[in-house]
Amino acid sequence: MFFFIGGIQPKTVDLEETARLCPACGLAQARLRRVDHYLSLFFIPLFPVKRGEPVVICDRCGAVSAPDAPWESVPPKPARRDCPQCGSALDPSFKYCPRCGTRI
């Protein structure tokens, strides 16, 4: 009796060593990769069956995007606001000034 243990398995290939900016989280931890499929025998990849398309995959958040995604897709940082009463710098999420207590 003969058992054939084999099949098609994916293998991820890094295409670039340098990191790119992730369009989702904005950190430079995304890399250009390609997922190729190989015919394997006893879990050893032997022959490439299908070559995948290059995509940018983020190591941190796992987001997948096209390699030619525009830089504008990175969310811009909110503008800094100043308190109208005392002039101190405020976080955009503040509703009251922590220094003088004025409602923003």
PDB file of N, CA and C in Angstrom:
ATOM      1  N   MET A   1       0.847  -1.174   0.000  1.00  0.00           N
ATOM      2  CA  MET A   1       0.000   0.000   0.000  1.00  0.00           C
ATOM      3  C   MET A   1       0.896   1.242   0.000  1.00  0.00           C
ATOM      4  N   PHE A   2       0.524   2.242  -0.788  1.00  0.00           N
ATOM      5  CA  PHE A   2       1.338   3.447  -0.945  1.00  0.00           C
ATOM      6  C   PHE A   2       0.489   4.673  -0.616  1.00  0.00           C
ATOM      7  N   PHE A   3       1.003   5.525   0.261  1.00  0.00           N
ATOM      8  CA  PHE A   3       0.325   6.767   0.602  1.00  0.00           C
ATOM      9  C   PHE A   3       1.120   7.930   0.036  1.00  0.00           C
ATOM     10  N   PHE A   4       0.424   8.831  -0.631  1.00  0.00           N
ATOM     11  CA  PHE A   4       1.047  10.015  -1.207  1.00  0.00           C
ATOM     12  C   PHE A   4       0.671  11.204  -0.329  1.00  0.00           C
ATOM     13  N   ILE A   5       1.645  11.758   0.358  1.00  0.00           N
ATOM     14  CA  ILE A   5       1.395  12.920   1.213  1.00  0.00           C
ATOM     15  C   ILE A   5       1.974  14.120   0.496  1.00  0.00           C
ATOM     16  N   GLY A   6       1.100  14.917  -0.054  1.00  0.00           N
ATOM     17  CA  GLY A   6       1.535  16.093  -0.787  1.00  0.00           C
ATOM     18  C   GLY A   6       0.375  17.022  -1.034  1.00  0.00           C
ATOM     19  N   GLY A   7       0.656  18.095  -1.718  1.00  0.00           N
ATOM     20  CA  GLY A   7      -0.379  19.072  -2.026  1.00  0.00           C
ATOM     21  C   GLY A   7       0.227  20.397  -2.405  1.00  0.00           C
ATOM     22  N   ILE A   8      -0.629  21.408  -2.385  1.00  0.00           N
ATOM     23  CA  ILE A   8      -0.215  22.770  -2.709  1.00  0.00           C
ATOM     24  C   ILE A   8      -0.129  23.548  -1.402  1.00  0.00           C
ATOM     25  N   GLN A   9       0.993  24.232  -1.202  1.00  0.00           N
ATOM     26  CA  GLN A   9       1.142  25.040   0.009  1.00  0.00           C
ATOM     27  C   GLN A   9       1.685  26.419  -0.351  1.00  0.00           C
ATOM     28  N   PRO A  10       1.258  27.453   0.404  1.00  0.00           N
ATOM     29  CA  PRO A  10       1.748  28.806   0.135  1.00  0.00           C
ATOM     30  C   PRO A  10       3.114  29.044   0.770  1.00  0.00           C
ATOM     31  N   LYS A  11       3.876  29.931   0.153  1.00  0.00           N
ATOM     32  CA  LYS A  11       5.168  30.342   0.689  1.00  0.00           C
ATOM     33  C   LYS A  11       5.306  31.842   0.453  1.00  0.00           C
ATOM     34  N   THR A  12       5.553  32.612   1.515  1.00  0.00           N
ATOM     35  CA  THR A  12       5.681  34.062   1.412  1.00  0.00           C
ATOM     36  C   THR A  12       7.130  34.429   1.124  1.00  0.00           C
ATOM     37  N   VAL A  13       7.309  35.279   0.111  1.00  0.00           N
ATOM     38  CA  VAL A  13       8.636  35.706  -0.316  1.00  0.00           C
ATOM     39  C   VAL A  13       8.750  37.214  -0.127  1.00  0.00           C
ATOM     40  N   ASP A  14       9.791  37.676   0.594  1.00  0.00           N
ATOM     41  CA  ASP A  14      10.041  39.110   0.744  1.00  0.00           C
ATOM     42  C   ASP A  14      10.722  39.620  -0.518  1.00  0.00           C
ATOM     43  N   LEU A  15      10.188  40.698  -1.103  1.00  0.00           N
ATOM     44  CA  LEU A  15      10.746  41.266  -2.327  1.00  0.00           C
ATOM     45  C   LEU A  15      11.674  42.441  -2.056  1.00  0.00           C
ATOM     46  N   GLU A  16      11.510  43.101  -0.921  1.00  0.00           N
ATOM     47  CA  GLU A  16      12.362  44.232  -0.544  1.00  0.00           C
ATOM     48  C   GLU A  16      12.764  44.095   0.916  1.00  0.00           C
ATOM     49  N   GLU A  17      13.962  44.549   1.226  1.00  0.00           N
ATOM     50  CA  GLU A  17      14.439  44.530   2.610  1.00  0.00           C
ATOM     51  C   GLU A  17      13.998  45.781   3.371  1.00  0.00           C
ATOM     52  N   THR A  18      13.826  46.888   2.661  1.00  0.00           N
ATOM     53  CA  THR A  18      13.481  48.148   3.313  1.00  0.00           C
ATOM     54  C   THR A  18      12.000  48.185   3.652  1.00  0.00           C
ATOM     55  N   ALA A  19      11.704  48.788   4.782  1.00  0.00           N
ATOM     56  CA  ALA A  19      10.318  48.922   5.224  1.00  0.00           C
ATOM     57  C   ALA A  19       9.670  50.133   4.574  1.00  0.00           C
ATOM     58  N   ARG A  20       8.357  50.047   4.390  1.00  0.00           N
ATOM     59  CA  ARG A  20       7.570  51.152   3.844  1.00  0.00           C
ATOM     60  C   ARG A  20       6.588  51.628   4.902  1.00  0.00           C
ATOM     61  N   LEU A  21       5.976  52.788   4.642  1.00  0.00           N
ATOM     62  CA  LEU A  21       4.931  53.279   5.533  1.00  0.00           C
ATOM     63  C   LEU A  21       3.654  52.492   5.288  1.00  0.00           C
ATOM     64  N   CYS A  22       3.028  52.059   6.356  1.00  0.00           N
ATOM     65  CA  CYS A  22       1.761  51.333   6.258  1.00  0.00           C
ATOM     66  C   CYS A  22       0.632  52.337   6.042  1.00  0.00           C
ATOM     67  N   PRO A  23      -0.222  52.125   5.043  1.00  0.00           N
ATOM     68  CA  PRO A  23      -1.337  53.044   4.824  1.00  0.00           C
ATOM     69  C   PRO A  23      -2.371  53.007   5.940  1.00  0.00           C
ATOM     70  N   ALA A  24      -2.430  51.924   6.708  1.00  0.00           N
ATOM     71  CA  ALA A  24      -3.446  51.806   7.758  1.00  0.00           C
ATOM     72  C   ALA A  24      -2.986  52.422   9.080  1.00  0.00           C
ATOM     73  N   CYS A  25      -1.803  52.019   9.578  1.00  0.00           N
ATOM     74  CA  CYS A  25      -1.364  52.500  10.891  1.00  0.00           C
ATOM     75  C   CYS A  25      -0.345  53.630  10.812  1.00  0.00           C
ATOM     76  N   GLY A  26       0.268  53.852   9.649  1.00  0.00           N
ATOM     77  CA  GLY A  26       1.191  54.958   9.477  1.00  0.00           C
ATOM     78  C   GLY A  26       2.613  54.694   9.948  1.00  0.00           C
ATOM     79  N   LEU A  27       2.916  53.494  10.404  1.00  0.00           N
ATOM     80  CA  LEU A  27       4.270  53.169  10.858  1.00  0.00           C
ATOM     81  C   LEU A  27       5.073  52.534   9.730  1.00  0.00           C
ATOM     82  N   ALA A  28       6.367  52.655   9.801  1.00  0.00           N
ATOM     83  CA  ALA A  28       7.238  52.106   8.760  1.00  0.00           C
ATOM     84  C   ALA A  28       7.565  50.647   9.064  1.00  0.00           C
ATOM     85  N   GLN A  29       6.544  49.790   9.021  1.00  0.00           N
ATOM     86  CA  GLN A  29       6.745  48.372   9.284  1.00  0.00           C
ATOM     87  C   GLN A  29       6.083  47.514   8.225  1.00  0.00           C
ATOM     88  N   ALA A  30       5.762  48.093   7.075  1.00  0.00           N
ATOM     89  CA  ALA A  30       5.149  47.333   5.986  1.00  0.00           C
ATOM     90  C   ALA A  30       6.236  46.926   4.996  1.00  0.00           C
ATOM     91  N   ARG A  31       6.119  45.739   4.460  1.00  0.00           N
ATOM     92  CA  ARG A  31       7.121  45.215   3.520  1.00  0.00           C
ATOM     93  C   ARG A  31       6.432  44.697   2.268  1.00  0.00           C
ATOM     94  N   LEU A  32       7.146  44.816   1.147  1.00  0.00           N
ATOM     95  CA  LEU A  32       6.656  44.314  -0.131  1.00  0.00           C
ATOM     96  C   LEU A  32       6.894  42.810  -0.170  1.00  0.00           C
ATOM     97  N   ARG A  33       5.791  42.048  -0.323  1.00  0.00           N
ATOM     98  CA  ARG A  33       5.870  40.586  -0.302  1.00  0.00           C
ATOM     99  C   ARG A  33       5.024  39.998  -1.409  1.00  0.00           C
ATOM    100  N   ARG A  34       5.268  38.718  -1.659  1.00  0.00           N
ATOM    101  CA  ARG A  34       4.494  37.979  -2.651  1.00  0.00           C
ATOM    102  C   ARG A  34       4.234  36.588  -2.077  1.00  0.00           C
ATOM    103  N   VAL A  35       3.031  36.062  -2.275  1.00  0.00           N
ATOM    104  CA  VAL A  35       2.685  34.732  -1.804  1.00  0.00           C
ATOM    105  C   VAL A  35       2.673  33.806  -3.014  1.00  0.00           C
ATOM    106  N   ASP A  36       3.641  32.886  -3.072  1.00  0.00           N
ATOM    107  CA  ASP A  36       3.737  31.903  -4.145  1.00  0.00           C
ATOM    108  C   ASP A  36       3.189  30.569  -3.646  1.00  0.00           C
ATOM    109  N   HIS A  37       2.651  29.773  -4.569  1.00  0.00           N
ATOM    110  CA  HIS A  37       2.129  28.452  -4.227  1.00  0.00           C
ATOM    111  C   HIS A  37       3.027  27.392  -4.848  1.00  0.00           C
ATOM    112  N   TYR A  38       3.387  26.404  -4.040  1.00  0.00           N
ATOM    113  CA  TYR A  38       4.307  25.349  -4.462  1.00  0.00           C
ATOM    114  C   TYR A  38       3.639  23.986  -4.313  1.00  0.00           C
ATOM    115  N   LEU A  39       3.978  23.093  -5.234  1.00  0.00           N
ATOM    116  CA  LEU A  39       3.608  21.699  -5.096  1.00  0.00           C
ATOM    117  C   LEU A  39       4.590  21.081  -4.116  1.00  0.00           C
ATOM    118  N   SER A  40       4.065  20.462  -3.063  1.00  0.00           N
ATOM    119  CA  SER A  40       4.949  19.922  -2.030  1.00  0.00           C
ATOM    120  C   SER A  40       4.740  18.421  -1.887  1.00  0.00           C
ATOM    121  N   LEU A  41       5.796  17.758  -1.515  1.00  0.00           N
ATOM    122  CA  LEU A  41       5.785  16.332  -1.249  1.00  0.00           C
ATOM    123  C   LEU A  41       6.382  16.128   0.134  1.00  0.00           C
ATOM    124  N   PHE A  42       5.617  15.532   1.031  1.00  0.00           N
ATOM    125  CA  PHE A  42       6.030  15.349   2.425  1.00  0.00           C
ATOM    126  C   PHE A  42       6.434  16.692   3.045  1.00  0.00           C
ATOM    127  N   PHE A  43       5.635  17.727   2.765  1.00  0.00           N
ATOM    128  CA  PHE A  43       5.788  19.075   3.319  1.00  0.00           C
ATOM    129  C   PHE A  43       7.073  19.775   2.872  1.00  0.00           C
ATOM    130  N   ILE A  44       7.672  19.332   1.793  1.00  0.00           N
ATOM    131  CA  ILE A  44       8.849  19.979   1.217  1.00  0.00           C
ATOM    132  C   ILE A  44       8.436  20.588  -0.118  1.00  0.00           C
ATOM    133  N   PRO A  45       8.530  21.933  -0.259  1.00  0.00           N
ATOM    134  CA  PRO A  45       8.144  22.557  -1.531  1.00  0.00           C
ATOM    135  C   PRO A  45       9.083  22.131  -2.661  1.00  0.00           C
ATOM    136  N   LEU A  46       8.491  21.637  -3.770  1.00  0.00           N
ATOM    137  CA  LEU A  46       9.291  21.143  -4.878  1.00  0.00           C
ATOM    138  C   LEU A  46       9.253  22.050  -6.102  1.00  0.00           C
ATOM    139  N   PHE A  47       8.036  22.325  -6.605  1.00  0.00           N
ATOM    140  CA  PHE A  47       7.887  23.084  -7.847  1.00  0.00           C
ATOM    141  C   PHE A  47       6.920  24.244  -7.643  1.00  0.00           C
ATOM    142  N   PRO A  48       7.261  25.410  -8.181  1.00  0.00           N
ATOM    143  CA  PRO A  48       6.303  26.521  -8.111  1.00  0.00           C
ATOM    144  C   PRO A  48       5.130  26.254  -9.049  1.00  0.00           C
ATOM    145  N   VAL A  49       3.927  26.451  -8.530  1.00  0.00           N
ATOM    146  CA  VAL A  49       2.714  26.229  -9.311  1.00  0.00           C
ATOM    147  C   VAL A  49       2.118  27.559  -9.749  1.00  0.00           C
ATOM    148  N   LYS A  50       2.042  28.503  -8.817  1.00  0.00           N
ATOM    149  CA  LYS A  50       1.433  29.795  -9.114  1.00  0.00           C
ATOM    150  C   LYS A  50       2.220  30.886  -8.406  1.00  0.00           C
ATOM    151  N   ARG A  51       2.550  31.925  -9.154  1.00  0.00           N
ATOM    152  CA  ARG A  51       3.263  33.066  -8.586  1.00  0.00           C
ATOM    153  C   ARG A  51       2.238  34.142  -8.256  1.00  0.00           C
ATOM    154  N   GLY A  52       2.270  34.631  -7.024  1.00  0.00           N
ATOM    155  CA  GLY A  52       1.305  35.622  -6.572  1.00  0.00           C
ATOM    156  C   GLY A  52       1.670  37.038  -6.996  1.00  0.00           C
ATOM    157  N   GLU A  53       0.736  37.947  -6.786  1.00  0.00           N
ATOM    158  CA  GLU A  53       0.941  39.364  -7.067  1.00  0.00           C
ATOM    159  C   GLU A  53       1.649  40.022  -5.883  1.00  0.00           C
ATOM    160  N   PRO A  54       2.534  40.981  -6.131  1.00  0.00           N
ATOM    161  CA  PRO A  54       3.182  41.675  -5.007  1.00  0.00           C
ATOM    162  C   PRO A  54       2.187  42.567  -4.265  1.00  0.00           C
ATOM    163  N   VAL A  55       2.235  42.491  -2.940  1.00  0.00           N
ATOM    164  CA  VAL A  55       1.391  43.306  -2.079  1.00  0.00           C
ATOM    165  C   VAL A  55       2.241  43.832  -0.928  1.00  0.00           C
ATOM    166  N   VAL A  56       1.769  44.888  -0.289  1.00  0.00           N
ATOM    167  CA  VAL A  56       2.436  45.448   0.882  1.00  0.00           C
ATOM    168  C   VAL A  56       1.686  44.941   2.113  1.00  0.00           C
ATOM    169  N   ILE A  57       2.405  44.219   2.989  1.00  0.00           N
ATOM    170  CA  ILE A  57       1.815  43.652   4.196  1.00  0.00           C
ATOM    171  C   ILE A  57       2.519  44.262   5.402  1.00  0.00           C
ATOM    172  N   CYS A  58       1.730  44.801   6.337  1.00  0.00           N
ATOM    173  CA  CYS A  58       2.287  45.422   7.537  1.00  0.00           C
ATOM    174  C   CYS A  58       2.568  44.354   8.588  1.00  0.00           C
ATOM    175  N   ASP A  59       3.766  44.398   9.184  1.00  0.00           N
ATOM    176  CA  ASP A  59       4.134  43.445  10.230  1.00  0.00           C
ATOM    177  C   ASP A  59       3.396  43.729  11.528  1.00  0.00           C
ATOM    178  N   ARG A  60       3.031  44.966  11.767  1.00  0.00           N
ATOM    179  CA  ARG A  60       2.431  45.342  13.042  1.00  0.00           C
ATOM    180  C   ARG A  60       0.923  45.136  13.067  1.00  0.00           C
ATOM    181  N   CYS A  61       0.212  45.720  12.095  1.00  0.00           N
ATOM    182  CA  CYS A  61      -1.252  45.652  12.125  1.00  0.00           C
ATOM    183  C   CYS A  61      -1.829  44.612  11.175  1.00  0.00           C
ATOM    184  N   GLY A  62      -1.014  44.074  10.253  1.00  0.00           N
ATOM    185  CA  GLY A  62      -1.487  43.039   9.342  1.00  0.00           C
ATOM    186  C   GLY A  62      -2.265  43.550   8.143  1.00  0.00           C
ATOM    187  N   ALA A  63      -2.282  44.855   7.925  1.00  0.00           N
ATOM    188  CA  ALA A  63      -3.017  45.423   6.797  1.00  0.00           C
ATOM    189  C   ALA A  63      -2.350  45.046   5.482  1.00  0.00           C
ATOM    190  N   VAL A  64      -3.164  44.830   4.458  1.00  0.00           N
ATOM    191  CA  VAL A  64      -2.682  44.473   3.128  1.00  0.00           C
ATOM    192  C   VAL A  64      -3.118  45.560   2.168  1.00  0.00           C
ATOM    193  N   SER A  65      -2.193  46.069   1.357  1.00  0.00           N
ATOM    194  CA  SER A  65      -2.532  47.113   0.396  1.00  0.00           C
ATOM    195  C   SER A  65      -1.742  46.899  -0.887  1.00  0.00           C
ATOM    196  N   ALA A  66      -2.123  47.617  -1.920  1.00  0.00           N
ATOM    197  CA  ALA A  66      -1.440  47.542  -3.204  1.00  0.00           C
ATOM    198  C   ALA A  66      -0.065  48.189  -3.092  1.00  0.00           C
ATOM    199  N   PRO A  67       0.914  47.734  -3.880  1.00  0.00           N
ATOM    200  CA  PRO A  67       2.255  48.317  -3.767  1.00  0.00           C
ATOM    201  C   PRO A  67       2.337  49.761  -4.238  1.00  0.00           C
ATOM    202  N   ASP A  68       1.397  50.212  -5.040  1.00  0.00           N
ATOM    203  CA  ASP A  68       1.419  51.586  -5.527  1.00  0.00           C
ATOM    204  C   ASP A  68       0.372  52.442  -4.818  1.00  0.00           C
ATOM    205  N   ALA A  69       0.073  52.120  -3.548  1.00  0.00           N
ATOM    206  CA  ALA A  69      -0.893  52.903  -2.779  1.00  0.00           C
ATOM    207  C   ALA A  69      -0.352  54.313  -2.577  1.00  0.00           C
ATOM    208  N   PRO A  70      -1.189  55.325  -2.719  1.00  0.00           N
ATOM    209  CA  PRO A  70      -0.706  56.699  -2.578  1.00  0.00           C
ATOM    210  C   PRO A  70      -0.328  57.022  -1.135  1.00  0.00           C
ATOM    211  N   TRP A  71       0.635  57.926  -0.992  1.00  0.00           N
ATOM    212  CA  TRP A  71       1.079  58.338   0.338  1.00  0.00           C
ATOM    213  C   TRP A  71      -0.018  59.077   1.079  1.00  0.00           C
ATOM    214  N   GLU A  72      -0.979  59.652   0.348  1.00  0.00           N
ATOM    215  CA  GLU A  72      -2.043  60.398   0.997  1.00  0.00           C
ATOM    216  C   GLU A  72      -2.984  59.491   1.782  1.00  0.00           C
ATOM    217  N   SER A  73      -2.880  58.161   1.602  1.00  0.00           N
ATOM    218  CA  SER A  73      -3.763  57.259   2.321  1.00  0.00           C
ATOM    219  C   SER A  73      -3.383  57.141   3.798  1.00  0.00           C
ATOM    220  N   VAL A  74      -2.192  57.608   4.171  1.00  0.00           N
ATOM    221  CA  VAL A  74      -1.799  57.629   5.577  1.00  0.00           C
ATOM    222  C   VAL A  74      -2.599  58.730   6.257  1.00  0.00           C
ATOM    223  N   PRO A  75      -3.287  58.423   7.362  1.00  0.00           N
ATOM    224  CA  PRO A  75      -4.112  59.446   7.998  1.00  0.00           C
ATOM    225  C   PRO A  75      -3.256  60.606   8.501  1.00  0.00           C
ATOM    226  N   PRO A  76      -3.636  61.833   8.163  1.00  0.00           N
ATOM    227  CA  PRO A  76      -2.851  62.979   8.620  1.00  0.00           C
ATOM    228  C   PRO A  76      -3.024  63.198  10.120  1.00  0.00           C
ATOM    229  N   LYS A  77      -1.979  63.754  10.730  1.00  0.00           N
ATOM    230  CA  LYS A  77      -2.073  64.070  12.150  1.00  0.00           C
ATOM    231  C   LYS A  77      -2.974  65.286  12.324  1.00  0.00           C
ATOM    232  N   PRO A  78      -3.813  65.283  13.353  1.00  0.00           N
ATOM    233  CA  PRO A  78      -4.674  66.443  13.577  1.00  0.00           C
ATOM    234  C   PRO A  78      -3.857  67.681  13.916  1.00  0.00           C
ATOM    235  N   ALA A  79      -4.359  68.816  13.512  1.00  0.00           N
ATOM    236  CA  ALA A  79      -3.667  70.083  13.748  1.00  0.00           C
ATOM    237  C   ALA A  79      -3.655  70.413  15.238  1.00  0.00           C
ATOM    238  N   ARG A  80      -2.582  71.053  15.669  1.00  0.00           N
ATOM    239  CA  ARG A  80      -2.468  71.457  17.066  1.00  0.00           C
ATOM    240  C   ARG A  80      -3.350  72.673  17.303  1.00  0.00           C
ATOM    241  N   ARG A  81      -4.025  72.682  18.432  1.00  0.00           N
ATOM    242  CA  ARG A  81      -4.867  73.824  18.777  1.00  0.00           C
ATOM    243  C   ARG A  81      -4.274  74.554  19.964  1.00  0.00           C
ATOM    244  N   ASP A  82      -4.595  75.829  20.059  1.00  0.00           N
ATOM    245  CA  ASP A  82      -4.165  76.648  21.188  1.00  0.00           C
ATOM    246  C   ASP A  82      -5.391  77.133  21.936  1.00  0.00           C
ATOM    247  N   CYS A  83      -5.242  77.290  23.241  1.00  0.00           N
ATOM    248  CA  CYS A  83      -6.331  77.804  24.074  1.00  0.00           C
ATOM    249  C   CYS A  83      -6.546  79.287  23.749  1.00  0.00           C
ATOM    250  N   PRO A  84      -7.794  79.712  23.492  1.00  0.00           N
ATOM    251  CA  PRO A  84      -8.027  81.126  23.195  1.00  0.00           C
ATOM    252  C   PRO A  84      -7.819  82.033  24.413  1.00  0.00           C
ATOM    253  N   GLN A  85      -7.892  81.476  25.617  1.00  0.00           N
ATOM    254  CA  GLN A  85      -7.761  82.280  26.826  1.00  0.00           C
ATOM    255  C   GLN A  85      -6.303  82.467  27.240  1.00  0.00           C
ATOM    256  N   CYS A  86      -5.580  81.338  27.413  1.00  0.00           N
ATOM    257  CA  CYS A  86      -4.204  81.429  27.936  1.00  0.00           C
ATOM    258  C   CYS A  86      -3.136  81.159  26.877  1.00  0.00           C
ATOM    259  N   GLY A  87      -3.507  80.617  25.714  1.00  0.00           N
ATOM    260  CA  GLY A  87      -2.561  80.392  24.627  1.00  0.00           C
ATOM    261  C   GLY A  87      -1.732  79.126  24.743  1.00  0.00           C
ATOM    262  N   SER A  88      -2.022  78.239  25.700  1.00  0.00           N
ATOM    263  CA  SER A  88      -1.238  77.005  25.833  1.00  0.00           C
ATOM    264  C   SER A  88      -1.643  76.001  24.753  1.00  0.00           C
ATOM    265  N   ALA A  89      -0.704  75.138  24.399  1.00  0.00           N
ATOM    266  CA  ALA A  89      -0.959  74.133  23.366  1.00  0.00           C
ATOM    267  C   ALA A  89      -1.892  73.055  23.912  1.00  0.00           C
ATOM    268  N   LEU A  90      -2.856  72.650  23.078  1.00  0.00           N
ATOM    269  CA  LEU A  90      -3.848  71.670  23.497  1.00  0.00           C
ATOM    270  C   LEU A  90      -3.873  70.482  22.543  1.00  0.00           C
ATOM    271  N   ASP A  91      -4.236  69.343  23.077  1.00  0.00           N
ATOM    272  CA  ASP A  91      -4.493  68.161  22.262  1.00  0.00           C
ATOM    273  C   ASP A  91      -5.839  68.381  21.554  1.00  0.00           C
ATOM    274  N   PRO A  92      -5.989  67.964  20.299  1.00  0.00           N
ATOM    275  CA  PRO A  92      -7.249  68.193  19.591  1.00  0.00           C
ATOM    276  C   PRO A  92      -8.464  67.530  20.233  1.00  0.00           C
ATOM    277  N   SER A  93      -8.264  66.522  21.074  1.00  0.00           N
ATOM    278  CA  SER A  93      -9.405  65.848  21.698  1.00  0.00           C
ATOM    279  C   SER A  93      -9.889  66.551  22.973  1.00  0.00           C
ATOM    280  N   PHE A  94      -9.136  67.537  23.486  1.00  0.00           N
ATOM    281  CA  PHE A  94      -9.529  68.229  24.712  1.00  0.00           C
ATOM    282  C   PHE A  94     -10.750  69.110  24.474  1.00  0.00           C
ATOM    283  N   LYS A  95     -11.663  69.117  25.451  1.00  0.00           N
ATOM    284  CA  LYS A  95     -12.825  70.008  25.400  1.00  0.00           C
ATOM    285  C   LYS A  95     -12.657  71.189  26.352  1.00  0.00           C
ATOM    286  N   TYR A  96     -11.742  71.014  27.326  1.00  0.00           N
ATOM    287  CA  TYR A  96     -11.429  72.078  28.276  1.00  0.00           C
ATOM    288  C   TYR A  96      -9.915  72.232  28.349  1.00  0.00           C
ATOM    289  N   CYS A  97      -9.449  73.434  28.580  1.00  0.00           N
ATOM    290  CA  CYS A  97      -8.021  73.680  28.730  1.00  0.00           C
ATOM    291  C   CYS A  97      -7.569  73.169  30.102  1.00  0.00           C
ATOM    292  N   PRO A  98      -6.543  72.301  30.166  1.00  0.00           N
ATOM    293  CA  PRO A  98      -6.098  71.799  31.464  1.00  0.00           C
ATOM    294  C   PRO A  98      -5.375  72.850  32.304  1.00  0.00           C
ATOM    295  N   ARG A  99      -4.946  73.934  31.685  1.00  0.00           N
ATOM    296  CA  ARG A  99      -4.209  74.976  32.400  1.00  0.00           C
ATOM    297  C   ARG A  99      -5.133  75.996  33.050  1.00  0.00           C
ATOM    298  N   CYS A 100      -6.106  76.503  32.264  1.00  0.00           N
ATOM    299  CA  CYS A 100      -6.974  77.564  32.802  1.00  0.00           C
ATOM    300  C   CYS A 100      -8.431  77.126  32.963  1.00  0.00           C
ATOM    301  N   GLY A 101      -8.824  75.982  32.373  1.00  0.00           N
ATOM    302  CA  GLY A 101     -10.193  75.491  32.545  1.00  0.00           C
ATOM    303  C   GLY A 101     -11.209  76.074  31.571  1.00  0.00           C
ATOM    304  N   THR A 102     -10.785  76.841  30.595  1.00  0.00           N
ATOM    305  CA  THR A 102     -11.702  77.436  29.622  1.00  0.00           C
ATOM    306  C   THR A 102     -12.247  76.354  28.702  1.00  0.00           C
ATOM    307  N   ARG A 103     -13.571  76.439  28.417  1.00  0.00           N
ATOM    308  CA  ARG A 103     -14.169  75.492  27.478  1.00  0.00           C
ATOM    309  C   ARG A 103     -13.727  75.848  26.071  1.00  0.00           C
ATOM    310  N   ILE A 104     -13.327  74.834  25.299  1.00  0.00           N
ATOM    311  CA  ILE A 104     -12.835  75.053  23.948  1.00  0.00           C
ATOM    312  C   ILE A 104     -13.977  74.906  22.956  1.00  0.00           C
TER     313      ILE A 104
END
